[in-house]
Amino acid sequence: MKKILATFIVMTMMAIMLPLTANAQTRNKRYYSKRTTTTRIYNKPSFYRRHRNVINIAAGTGAGGLIGGILGGKKGALIGAGVGAGGSAIYTYKIKPKQRRYYRR
């Protein structure tokens, strides 16, 4: 049982960290005017920046469910997952909300 649990935890960590290590893609945008052509290059936001809310809530739910499962079995896992989801949602939406970045064109 311990081997299965350890394997599951390691695979979950790898699945979460793999998309976060990918590089952002560079985008080119070309503007035409009567006299000049301007090319602006900007980077696509990272995977974490685009899906920040979902990742934070999923991590909180998983951590709460894991701790609750260790301490209280199946019922504790459900309660821990609910508490973890609620706590991470409060953190994500109220305490540390997304900061939008606006760029001049």
PDB file of N, CA and C in Angstrom:
ATOM      1  N   MET A   1       0.818  -1.198   0.000  1.00  0.00           N
ATOM      2  CA  MET A   1       0.000   0.000   0.000  1.00  0.00           C
ATOM      3  C   MET A   1       0.860   1.260   0.000  1.00  0.00           C
ATOM      4  N   LYS A   2       1.974   1.201   0.748  1.00  0.00           N
ATOM      5  CA  LYS A   2       2.839   2.373   0.820  1.00  0.00           C
ATOM      6  C   LYS A   2       3.491   2.662  -0.521  1.00  0.00           C
ATOM      7  N   LYS A   3       3.839   1.605  -1.261  1.00  0.00           N
ATOM      8  CA  LYS A   3       4.451   1.806  -2.580  1.00  0.00           C
ATOM      9  C   LYS A   3       3.468   2.465  -3.542  1.00  0.00           C
ATOM     10  N   ILE A   4       2.226   2.033  -3.490  1.00  0.00           N
ATOM     11  CA  ILE A   4       1.204   2.608  -4.373  1.00  0.00           C
ATOM     12  C   ILE A   4       0.968   4.069  -4.022  1.00  0.00           C
ATOM     13  N   LEU A   5       0.877   4.380  -2.747  1.00  0.00           N
ATOM     14  CA  LEU A   5       0.661   5.760  -2.309  1.00  0.00           C
ATOM     15  C   LEU A   5       1.842   6.643  -2.693  1.00  0.00           C
ATOM     16  N   ALA A   6       3.063   6.156  -2.485  1.00  0.00           N
ATOM     17  CA  ALA A   6       4.254   6.932  -2.848  1.00  0.00           C
ATOM     18  C   ALA A   6       4.327   7.146  -4.356  1.00  0.00           C
ATOM     19  N   THR A   7       4.006   6.121  -5.131  1.00  0.00           N
ATOM     20  CA  THR A   7       4.003   6.250  -6.590  1.00  0.00           C
ATOM     21  C   THR A   7       2.966   7.265  -7.039  1.00  0.00           C
ATOM     22  N   PHE A   8       1.783   7.219  -6.455  1.00  0.00           N
ATOM     23  CA  PHE A   8       0.728   8.166  -6.811  1.00  0.00           C
ATOM     24  C   PHE A   8       1.139   9.600  -6.495  1.00  0.00           C
ATOM     25  N   ILE A   9       1.752   9.819  -5.343  1.00  0.00           N
ATOM     26  CA  ILE A   9       2.177  11.167  -4.959  1.00  0.00           C
ATOM     27  C   ILE A   9       3.244  11.688  -5.913  1.00  0.00           C
ATOM     28  N   VAL A  10       4.218  10.856  -6.253  1.00  0.00           N
ATOM     29  CA  VAL A  10       5.282  11.275  -7.167  1.00  0.00           C
ATOM     30  C   VAL A  10       4.722  11.556  -8.553  1.00  0.00           C
ATOM     31  N   MET A  11       3.810  10.718  -9.041  1.00  0.00           N
ATOM     32  CA  MET A  11       3.221  10.948 -10.361  1.00  0.00           C
ATOM     33  C   MET A  11       2.393  12.233 -10.374  1.00  0.00           C
ATOM     34  N   THR A  12       1.697  12.515  -9.290  1.00  0.00           N
ATOM     35  CA  THR A  12       0.920  13.755  -9.201  1.00  0.00           C
ATOM     36  C   THR A  12       1.830  14.966  -9.221  1.00  0.00           C
ATOM     37  N   MET A  13       2.913  14.903  -8.482  1.00  0.00           N
ATOM     38  CA  MET A  13       3.859  16.026  -8.483  1.00  0.00           C
ATOM     39  C   MET A  13       4.460  16.240  -9.864  1.00  0.00           C
ATOM     40  N   MET A  14       4.790  15.163 -10.557  1.00  0.00           N
ATOM     41  CA  MET A  14       5.349  15.283 -11.908  1.00  0.00           C
ATOM     42  C   MET A  14       4.317  15.871 -12.871  1.00  0.00           C
ATOM     43  N   ALA A  15       3.060  15.453 -12.751  1.00  0.00           N
ATOM     44  CA  ALA A  15       2.014  15.947 -13.641  1.00  0.00           C
ATOM     45  C   ALA A  15       1.761  17.429 -13.419  1.00  0.00           C
ATOM     46  N   ILE A  16       1.927  17.895 -12.194  1.00  0.00           N
ATOM     47  CA  ILE A  16       1.717  19.314 -11.912  1.00  0.00           C
ATOM     48  C   ILE A  16       2.915  20.138 -12.367  1.00  0.00           C
ATOM     49  N   MET A  17       4.122  19.650 -12.138  1.00  0.00           N
ATOM     50  CA  MET A  17       5.321  20.428 -12.424  1.00  0.00           C
ATOM     51  C   MET A  17       5.695  20.443 -13.896  1.00  0.00           C
ATOM     52  N   LEU A  18       5.345  19.423 -14.650  1.00  0.00           N
ATOM     53  CA  LEU A  18       5.744  19.357 -16.047  1.00  0.00           C
ATOM     54  C   LEU A  18       5.216  20.524 -16.874  1.00  0.00           C
ATOM     55  N   PRO A  19       3.925  20.877 -16.815  1.00  0.00           N
ATOM     56  CA  PRO A  19       3.468  22.023 -17.616  1.00  0.00           C
ATOM     57  C   PRO A  19       4.051  23.352 -17.137  1.00  0.00           C
ATOM     58  N   LEU A  20       4.430  23.439 -15.871  1.00  0.00           N
ATOM     59  CA  LEU A  20       4.958  24.698 -15.370  1.00  0.00           C
ATOM     60  C   LEU A  20       6.364  24.976 -15.873  1.00  0.00           C
ATOM     61  N   THR A  21       7.075  23.949 -16.342  1.00  0.00           N
ATOM     62  CA  THR A  21       8.438  24.149 -16.815  1.00  0.00           C
ATOM     63  C   THR A  21       8.503  24.483 -18.297  1.00  0.00           C
ATOM     64  N   ALA A  22       7.406  24.391 -18.999  1.00  0.00           N
ATOM     65  CA  ALA A  22       7.407  24.682 -20.430  1.00  0.00           C
ATOM     66  C   ALA A  22       7.598  26.179 -20.663  1.00  0.00           C
ATOM     67  N   ASN A  23       8.344  26.511 -21.700  1.00  0.00           N
ATOM     68  CA  ASN A  23       8.593  27.918 -22.007  1.00  0.00           C
ATOM     69  C   ASN A  23       7.396  28.535 -22.712  1.00  0.00           C
ATOM     70  N   ALA A  24       7.249  29.828 -22.517  1.00  0.00           N
ATOM     71  CA  ALA A  24       6.160  30.543 -23.179  1.00  0.00           C
ATOM     72  C   ALA A  24       6.506  30.733 -24.649  1.00  0.00           C
ATOM     73  N   GLN A  25       5.487  30.797 -25.457  1.00  0.00           N
ATOM     74  CA  GLN A  25       5.708  30.997 -26.878  1.00  0.00           C
ATOM     75  C   GLN A  25       5.786  32.484 -27.176  1.00  0.00           C
ATOM     76  N   THR A  26       6.559  32.818 -28.182  1.00  0.00           N
ATOM     77  CA  THR A  26       6.682  34.211 -28.603  1.00  0.00           C
ATOM     78  C   THR A  26       5.696  34.455 -29.731  1.00  0.00           C
ATOM     79  N   ARG A  27       5.011  35.571 -29.646  1.00  0.00           N
ATOM     80  CA  ARG A  27       4.028  35.922 -30.668  1.00  0.00           C
ATOM     81  C   ARG A  27       4.488  37.187 -31.386  1.00  0.00           C
ATOM     82  N   ASN A  28       4.242  37.247 -32.672  1.00  0.00           N
ATOM     83  CA  ASN A  28       4.541  38.443 -33.449  1.00  0.00           C
ATOM     84  C   ASN A  28       3.230  39.075 -33.879  1.00  0.00           C
ATOM     85  N   LYS A  29       3.160  40.380 -33.762  1.00  0.00           N
ATOM     86  CA  LYS A  29       1.991  41.098 -34.213  1.00  0.00           C
ATOM     87  C   LYS A  29       2.489  42.212 -35.122  1.00  0.00           C
ATOM     88  N   ARG A  30       1.960  42.294 -36.322  1.00  0.00           N
ATOM     89  CA  ARG A  30       2.439  43.264 -37.279  1.00  0.00           C
ATOM     90  C   ARG A  30       1.359  44.307 -37.527  1.00  0.00           C
ATOM     91  N   TYR A  31       1.743  45.562 -37.419  1.00  0.00           N
ATOM     92  CA  TYR A  31       0.834  46.675 -37.654  1.00  0.00           C
ATOM     93  C   TYR A  31       1.287  47.399 -38.919  1.00  0.00           C
ATOM     94  N   TYR A  32       0.344  47.669 -39.788  1.00  0.00           N
ATOM     95  CA  TYR A  32       0.653  48.366 -41.018  1.00  0.00           C
ATOM     96  C   TYR A  32       0.086  49.776 -40.958  1.00  0.00           C
ATOM     97  N   SER A  33       0.863  50.687 -41.422  1.00  0.00           N
ATOM     98  CA  SER A  33       0.399  52.050 -41.550  1.00  0.00           C
ATOM     99  C   SER A  33       0.775  52.496 -42.966  1.00  0.00           C
ATOM    100  N   LYS A  34       0.459  53.714 -43.352  1.00  0.00           N
ATOM    101  CA  LYS A  34       0.751  54.160 -44.709  1.00  0.00           C
ATOM    102  C   LYS A  34       2.257  54.258 -44.960  1.00  0.00           C
ATOM    103  N   ARG A  35       3.020  54.595 -43.933  1.00  0.00           N
ATOM    104  CA  ARG A  35       4.451  54.811 -44.144  1.00  0.00           C
ATOM    105  C   ARG A  35       5.336  53.722 -43.550  1.00  0.00           C
ATOM    106  N   THR A  36       4.963  53.151 -42.445  1.00  0.00           N
ATOM    107  CA  THR A  36       5.867  52.215 -41.775  1.00  0.00           C
ATOM    108  C   THR A  36       5.155  50.914 -41.432  1.00  0.00           C
ATOM    109  N   THR A  37       5.951  49.926 -41.188  1.00  0.00           N
ATOM    110  CA  THR A  37       5.462  48.647 -40.689  1.00  0.00           C
ATOM    111  C   THR A  37       6.130  48.394 -39.350  1.00  0.00           C
ATOM    112  N   THR A  38       5.343  48.152 -38.334  1.00  0.00           N
ATOM    113  CA  THR A  38       5.875  47.924 -36.994  1.00  0.00           C
ATOM    114  C   THR A  38       5.579  46.492 -36.589  1.00  0.00           C
ATOM    115  N   THR A  39       6.596  45.814 -36.092  1.00  0.00           N
ATOM    116  CA  THR A  39       6.421  44.461 -35.578  1.00  0.00           C
ATOM    117  C   THR A  39       6.690  44.486 -34.086  1.00  0.00           C
ATOM    118  N   ARG A  40       5.730  44.041 -33.310  1.00  0.00           N
ATOM    119  CA  ARG A  40       5.894  43.968 -31.865  1.00  0.00           C
ATOM    120  C   ARG A  40       5.906  42.510 -31.465  1.00  0.00           C
ATOM    121  N   ILE A  41       6.810  42.171 -30.583  1.00  0.00           N
ATOM    122  CA  ILE A  41       6.933  40.807 -30.115  1.00  0.00           C
ATOM    123  C   ILE A  41       6.538  40.778 -28.646  1.00  0.00           C
ATOM    124  N   TYR A  42       5.659  39.860 -28.293  1.00  0.00           N
ATOM    125  CA  TYR A  42       5.269  39.718 -26.895  1.00  0.00           C
ATOM    126  C   TYR A  42       5.201  38.233 -26.565  1.00  0.00           C
ATOM    127  N   ASN A  43       5.391  37.926 -25.297  1.00  0.00           N
ATOM    128  CA  ASN A  43       5.383  36.541 -24.847  1.00  0.00           C
ATOM    129  C   ASN A  43       3.999  36.148 -24.367  1.00  0.00           C
ATOM    130  N   LYS A  44       3.623  34.927 -24.688  1.00  0.00           N
ATOM    131  CA  LYS A  44       2.373  34.369 -24.194  1.00  0.00           C
ATOM    132  C   LYS A  44       2.529  34.137 -22.689  1.00  0.00           C
ATOM    133  N   PRO A  45       1.533  34.446 -21.880  1.00  0.00           N
ATOM    134  CA  PRO A  45       1.657  34.205 -20.439  1.00  0.00           C
ATOM    135  C   PRO A  45       1.897  32.724 -20.148  1.00  0.00           C
ATOM    136  N   SER A  46       2.566  32.453 -19.043  1.00  0.00           N
ATOM    137  CA  SER A  46       2.891  31.081 -18.680  1.00  0.00           C
ATOM    138  C   SER A  46       1.617  30.290 -18.365  1.00  0.00           C
ATOM    139  N   PHE A  47       1.763  28.983 -18.334  1.00  0.00           N
ATOM    140  CA  PHE A  47       0.625  28.104 -18.035  1.00  0.00           C
ATOM    141  C   PHE A  47       0.067  28.422 -16.654  1.00  0.00           C
ATOM    142  N   TYR A  48       0.954  28.642 -15.683  1.00  0.00           N
ATOM    143  CA  TYR A  48       0.488  28.945 -14.330  1.00  0.00           C
ATOM    144  C   TYR A  48      -0.255  30.277 -14.295  1.00  0.00           C
ATOM    145  N   ARG A  49       0.245  31.280 -15.010  1.00  0.00           N
ATOM    146  CA  ARG A  49      -0.418  32.584 -14.985  1.00  0.00           C
ATOM    147  C   ARG A  49      -1.806  32.516 -15.627  1.00  0.00           C
ATOM    148  N   ARG A  50      -1.951  31.684 -16.662  1.00  0.00           N
ATOM    149  CA  ARG A  50      -3.255  31.567 -17.324  1.00  0.00           C
ATOM    150  C   ARG A  50      -4.255  30.753 -16.513  1.00  0.00           C
ATOM    151  N   HIS A  51      -3.794  29.738 -15.777  1.00  0.00           N
ATOM    152  CA  HIS A  51      -4.694  28.834 -15.061  1.00  0.00           C
ATOM    153  C   HIS A  51      -4.445  28.875 -13.554  1.00  0.00           C
ATOM    154  N   ARG A  52      -4.071  30.008 -13.039  1.00  0.00           N
ATOM    155  CA  ARG A  52      -3.663  30.159 -11.652  1.00  0.00           C
ATOM    156  C   ARG A  52      -4.742  29.734 -10.670  1.00  0.00           C
ATOM    157  N   ASN A  53      -5.956  30.173 -10.875  1.00  0.00           N
ATOM    158  CA  ASN A  53      -7.044  29.876  -9.946  1.00  0.00           C
ATOM    159  C   ASN A  53      -7.308  28.374  -9.844  1.00  0.00           C
ATOM    160  N   VAL A  54      -7.395  27.703 -10.971  1.00  0.00           N
ATOM    161  CA  VAL A  54      -7.697  26.274 -10.979  1.00  0.00           C
ATOM    162  C   VAL A  54      -6.564  25.481 -10.330  1.00  0.00           C
ATOM    163  N   ILE A  55      -5.314  25.837 -10.633  1.00  0.00           N
ATOM    164  CA  ILE A  55      -4.178  25.114 -10.068  1.00  0.00           C
ATOM    165  C   ILE A  55      -4.133  25.279  -8.554  1.00  0.00           C
ATOM    166  N   ASN A  56      -4.342  26.498  -8.071  1.00  0.00           N
ATOM    167  CA  ASN A  56      -4.299  26.731  -6.632  1.00  0.00           C
ATOM    168  C   ASN A  56      -5.406  25.972  -5.900  1.00  0.00           C
ATOM    169  N   ILE A  57      -6.606  25.987  -6.436  1.00  0.00           N
ATOM    170  CA  ILE A  57      -7.713  25.286  -5.783  1.00  0.00           C
ATOM    171  C   ILE A  57      -7.500  23.775  -5.832  1.00  0.00           C
ATOM    172  N   ALA A  58      -7.005  23.261  -6.960  1.00  0.00           N
ATOM    173  CA  ALA A  58      -6.744  21.821  -7.049  1.00  0.00           C
ATOM    174  C   ALA A  58      -5.659  21.388  -6.064  1.00  0.00           C
ATOM    175  N   ALA A  59      -4.618  22.187  -5.921  1.00  0.00           N
ATOM    176  CA  ALA A  59      -3.548  21.850  -4.981  1.00  0.00           C
ATOM    177  C   ALA A  59      -4.065  21.864  -3.544  1.00  0.00           C
ATOM    178  N   GLY A  60      -4.873  22.847  -3.197  1.00  0.00           N
ATOM    179  CA  GLY A  60      -5.441  22.913  -1.855  1.00  0.00           C
ATOM    180  C   GLY A  60      -6.388  21.758  -1.569  1.00  0.00           C
ATOM    181  N   THR A  61      -7.179  21.389  -2.566  1.00  0.00           N
ATOM    182  CA  THR A  61      -8.103  20.269  -2.400  1.00  0.00           C
ATOM    183  C   THR A  61      -7.338  18.960  -2.216  1.00  0.00           C
ATOM    184  N   GLY A  62      -6.325  18.759  -3.040  1.00  0.00           N
ATOM    185  CA  GLY A  62      -5.530  17.535  -2.928  1.00  0.00           C
ATOM    186  C   GLY A  62      -4.802  17.438  -1.599  1.00  0.00           C
ATOM    187  N   ALA A  63      -4.207  18.553  -1.158  1.00  0.00           N
ATOM    188  CA  ALA A  63      -3.488  18.545   0.116  1.00  0.00           C
ATOM    189  C   ALA A  63      -4.451  18.304   1.279  1.00  0.00           C
ATOM    190  N   GLY A  64      -5.601  18.952   1.258  1.00  0.00           N
ATOM    191  CA  GLY A  64      -6.589  18.748   2.319  1.00  0.00           C
ATOM    192  C   GLY A  64      -7.116  17.330   2.342  1.00  0.00           C
ATOM    193  N   GLY A  65      -7.375  16.770   1.164  1.00  0.00           N
ATOM    194  CA  GLY A  65      -7.852  15.391   1.088  1.00  0.00           C
ATOM    195  C   GLY A  65      -6.807  14.397   1.560  1.00  0.00           C
ATOM    196  N   LEU A  66      -5.546  14.642   1.230  1.00  0.00           N
ATOM    197  CA  LEU A  66      -4.470  13.757   1.661  1.00  0.00           C
ATOM    198  C   LEU A  66      -4.301  13.790   3.180  1.00  0.00           C
ATOM    199  N   ILE A  67      -4.273  14.979   3.745  1.00  0.00           N
ATOM    200  CA  ILE A  67      -4.122  15.103   5.197  1.00  0.00           C
ATOM    201  C   ILE A  67      -5.344  14.524   5.914  1.00  0.00           C
ATOM    202  N   GLY A  68      -6.529  14.831   5.406  1.00  0.00           N
ATOM    203  CA  GLY A  68      -7.746  14.293   6.009  1.00  0.00           C
ATOM    204  C   GLY A  68      -7.818  12.773   5.905  1.00  0.00           C
ATOM    205  N   GLY A  69      -7.355  12.237   4.772  1.00  0.00           N
ATOM    206  CA  GLY A  69      -7.353  10.784   4.606  1.00  0.00           C
ATOM    207  C   GLY A  69      -6.389  10.094   5.554  1.00  0.00           C
ATOM    208  N   ILE A  70      -5.244  10.722   5.778  1.00  0.00           N
ATOM    209  CA  ILE A  70      -4.275  10.138   6.710  1.00  0.00           C
ATOM    210  C   ILE A  70      -4.822  10.172   8.136  1.00  0.00           C
ATOM    211  N   LEU A  71      -5.465  11.257   8.502  1.00  0.00           N
ATOM    212  CA  LEU A  71      -5.937  11.410   9.876  1.00  0.00           C
ATOM    213  C   LEU A  71      -7.272  10.728  10.150  1.00  0.00           C
ATOM    214  N   GLY A  72      -8.174  10.717   9.159  1.00  0.00           N
ATOM    215  CA  GLY A  72      -9.522  10.250   9.478  1.00  0.00           C
ATOM    216  C   GLY A  72     -10.136   9.248   8.529  1.00  0.00           C
ATOM    217  N   GLY A  73      -9.379   8.669   7.616  1.00  0.00           N
ATOM    218  CA  GLY A  73      -9.948   7.678   6.702  1.00  0.00           C
ATOM    219  C   GLY A  73     -10.753   8.319   5.586  1.00  0.00           C
ATOM    220  N   LYS A  74     -11.757   7.588   5.082  1.00  0.00           N
ATOM    221  CA  LYS A  74     -12.536   8.072   3.936  1.00  0.00           C
ATOM    222  C   LYS A  74     -13.331   9.327   4.272  1.00  0.00           C
ATOM    223  N   LYS A  75     -13.991   9.294   5.408  1.00  0.00           N
ATOM    224  CA  LYS A  75     -14.796  10.455   5.805  1.00  0.00           C
ATOM    225  C   LYS A  75     -13.891  11.662   6.050  1.00  0.00           C
ATOM    226  N   GLY A  76     -12.742  11.445   6.643  1.00  0.00           N
ATOM    227  CA  GLY A  76     -11.784  12.531   6.873  1.00  0.00           C
ATOM    228  C   GLY A  76     -11.242  13.086   5.569  1.00  0.00           C
ATOM    229  N   ALA A  77     -11.078  12.222   4.564  1.00  0.00           N
ATOM    230  CA  ALA A  77     -10.591  12.681   3.262  1.00  0.00           C
ATOM    231  C   ALA A  77     -11.608  13.617   2.609  1.00  0.00           C
ATOM    232  N   LEU A  78     -12.886  13.265   2.705  1.00  0.00           N
ATOM    233  CA  LEU A  78     -13.921  14.129   2.132  1.00  0.00           C
ATOM    234  C   LEU A  78     -13.986  15.474   2.855  1.00  0.00           C
ATOM    235  N   ILE A  79     -13.943  15.418   4.160  1.00  0.00           N
ATOM    236  CA  ILE A  79     -13.982  16.661   4.941  1.00  0.00           C
ATOM    237  C   ILE A  79     -12.734  17.492   4.666  1.00  0.00           C
ATOM    238  N   GLY A  80     -11.568  16.849   4.627  1.00  0.00           N
ATOM    239  CA  GLY A  80     -10.316  17.558   4.353  1.00  0.00           C
ATOM    240  C   GLY A  80     -10.289  18.175   2.964  1.00  0.00           C
ATOM    241  N   ALA A  81     -10.830  17.447   1.977  1.00  0.00           N
ATOM    242  CA  ALA A  81     -10.884  17.991   0.616  1.00  0.00           C
ATOM    243  C   ALA A  81     -11.783  19.221   0.564  1.00  0.00           C
ATOM    244  N   GLY A  82     -12.913  19.169   1.255  1.00  0.00           N
ATOM    245  CA  GLY A  82     -13.805  20.338   1.282  1.00  0.00           C
ATOM    246  C   GLY A  82     -13.181  21.525   1.967  1.00  0.00           C
ATOM    247  N   VAL A  83     -12.518  21.274   3.096  1.00  0.00           N
ATOM    248  CA  VAL A  83     -11.862  22.371   3.811  1.00  0.00           C
ATOM    249  C   VAL A  83     -10.697  22.928   2.985  1.00  0.00           C
ATOM    250  N   GLY A  84      -9.936  22.040   2.346  1.00  0.00           N
ATOM    251  CA  GLY A  84      -8.822  22.490   1.506  1.00  0.00           C
ATOM    252  C   GLY A  84      -9.296  23.306   0.312  1.00  0.00           C
ATOM    253  N   ALA A  85     -10.376  22.876  -0.321  1.00  0.00           N
ATOM    254  CA  ALA A  85     -10.918  23.619  -1.463  1.00  0.00           C
ATOM    255  C   ALA A  85     -11.427  24.988  -1.019  1.00  0.00           C
ATOM    256  N   GLY A  86     -12.123  25.018   0.122  1.00  0.00           N
ATOM    257  CA  GLY A  86     -12.625  26.305   0.614  1.00  0.00           C
ATOM    258  C   GLY A  86     -11.507  27.256   0.994  1.00  0.00           C
ATOM    259  N   GLY A  87     -10.510  26.739   1.681  1.00  0.00           N
ATOM    260  CA  GLY A  87      -9.392  27.585   2.091  1.00  0.00           C
ATOM    261  C   GLY A  87      -8.587  28.106   0.911  1.00  0.00           C
ATOM    262  N   SER A  88      -8.349  27.240  -0.072  1.00  0.00           N
ATOM    263  CA  SER A  88      -7.583  27.697  -1.228  1.00  0.00           C
ATOM    264  C   SER A  88      -8.405  28.648  -2.099  1.00  0.00           C
ATOM    265  N   ALA A  89      -9.725  28.476  -2.146  1.00  0.00           N
ATOM    266  CA  ALA A  89     -10.561  29.415  -2.897  1.00  0.00           C
ATOM    267  C   ALA A  89     -10.549  30.791  -2.240  1.00  0.00           C
ATOM    268  N   ILE A  90     -10.620  30.814  -0.921  1.00  0.00           N
ATOM    269  CA  ILE A  90     -10.540  32.101  -0.218  1.00  0.00           C
ATOM    270  C   ILE A  90      -9.200  32.764  -0.483  1.00  0.00           C
ATOM    271  N   TYR A  91      -8.133  31.978  -0.419  1.00  0.00           N
ATOM    272  CA  TYR A  91      -6.800  32.530  -0.684  1.00  0.00           C
ATOM    273  C   TYR A  91      -6.706  33.063  -2.114  1.00  0.00           C
ATOM    274  N   THR A  92      -7.192  32.275  -3.088  1.00  0.00           N
ATOM    275  CA  THR A  92      -7.038  32.634  -4.493  1.00  0.00           C
ATOM    276  C   THR A  92      -7.883  33.846  -4.876  1.00  0.00           C
ATOM    277  N   TYR A  93      -9.126  33.900  -4.415  1.00  0.00           N
ATOM    278  CA  TYR A  93     -10.024  34.940  -4.888  1.00  0.00           C
ATOM    279  C   TYR A  93     -10.068  36.177  -4.000  1.00  0.00           C
ATOM    280  N   LYS A  94      -9.841  36.036  -2.702  1.00  0.00           N
ATOM    281  CA  LYS A  94     -10.000  37.181  -1.798  1.00  0.00           C
ATOM    282  C   LYS A  94      -8.676  37.733  -1.283  1.00  0.00           C
ATOM    283  N   ILE A  95      -7.816  36.870  -0.790  1.00  0.00           N
ATOM    284  CA  ILE A  95      -6.587  37.348  -0.168  1.00  0.00           C
ATOM    285  C   ILE A  95      -5.561  37.764  -1.213  1.00  0.00           C
ATOM    286  N   LYS A  96      -5.407  36.969  -2.266  1.00  0.00           N
ATOM    287  CA  LYS A  96      -4.376  37.234  -3.274  1.00  0.00           C
ATOM    288  C   LYS A  96      -4.993  37.175  -4.668  1.00  0.00           C
ATOM    289  N   PRO A  97      -5.839  38.141  -5.054  1.00  0.00           N
ATOM    290  CA  PRO A  97      -6.497  38.063  -6.364  1.00  0.00           C
ATOM    291  C   PRO A  97      -5.504  38.285  -7.507  1.00  0.00           C
ATOM    292  N   LYS A  98      -5.932  37.883  -8.701  1.00  0.00           N
ATOM    293  CA  LYS A  98      -5.103  38.047  -9.892  1.00  0.00           C
ATOM    294  C   LYS A  98      -4.854  39.517 -10.155  1.00  0.00           C
ATOM    295  N   GLN A  99      -3.643  39.838 -10.569  1.00  0.00           N
ATOM    296  CA  GLN A  99      -3.333  41.207 -10.973  1.00  0.00           C
ATOM    297  C   GLN A  99      -3.206  41.209 -12.477  1.00  0.00           C
ATOM    298  N   ARG A 100      -4.090  41.933 -13.114  1.00  0.00           N
ATOM    299  CA  ARG A 100      -4.081  41.990 -14.573  1.00  0.00           C
ATOM    300  C   ARG A 100      -2.974  42.926 -15.029  1.00  0.00           C
ATOM    301  N   ARG A 101      -2.319  42.550 -16.093  1.00  0.00           N
ATOM    302  CA  ARG A 101      -1.302  43.407 -16.685  1.00  0.00           C
ATOM    303  C   ARG A 101      -1.804  43.880 -18.025  1.00  0.00           C
ATOM    304  N   TYR A 102      -1.838  45.171 -18.188  1.00  0.00           N
ATOM    305  CA  TYR A 102      -2.285  45.758 -19.427  1.00  0.00           C
ATOM    306  C   TYR A 102      -1.085  46.345 -20.153  1.00  0.00           C
ATOM    307  N   TYR A 103      -0.968  46.042 -21.436  1.00  0.00           N
ATOM    308  CA  TYR A 103       0.141  46.516 -22.218  1.00  0.00           C
ATOM    309  C   TYR A 103      -0.359  47.534 -23.236  1.00  0.00           C
ATOM    310  N   ARG A 104       0.460  48.546 -23.461  1.00  0.00           N
ATOM    311  CA  ARG A 104       0.114  49.544 -24.477  1.00  0.00           C
ATOM    312  C   ARG A 104       0.313  48.944 -25.836  1.00  0.00           C
ATOM    313  N   ARG A 105      -0.544  49.296 -26.755  1.00  0.00           N
ATOM    314  CA  ARG A 105      -0.395  48.815 -28.135  1.00  0.00           C
ATOM    315  C   ARG A 105       0.248  49.850 -28.993  1.00  0.00           C
TER     316      ARG A 105
END
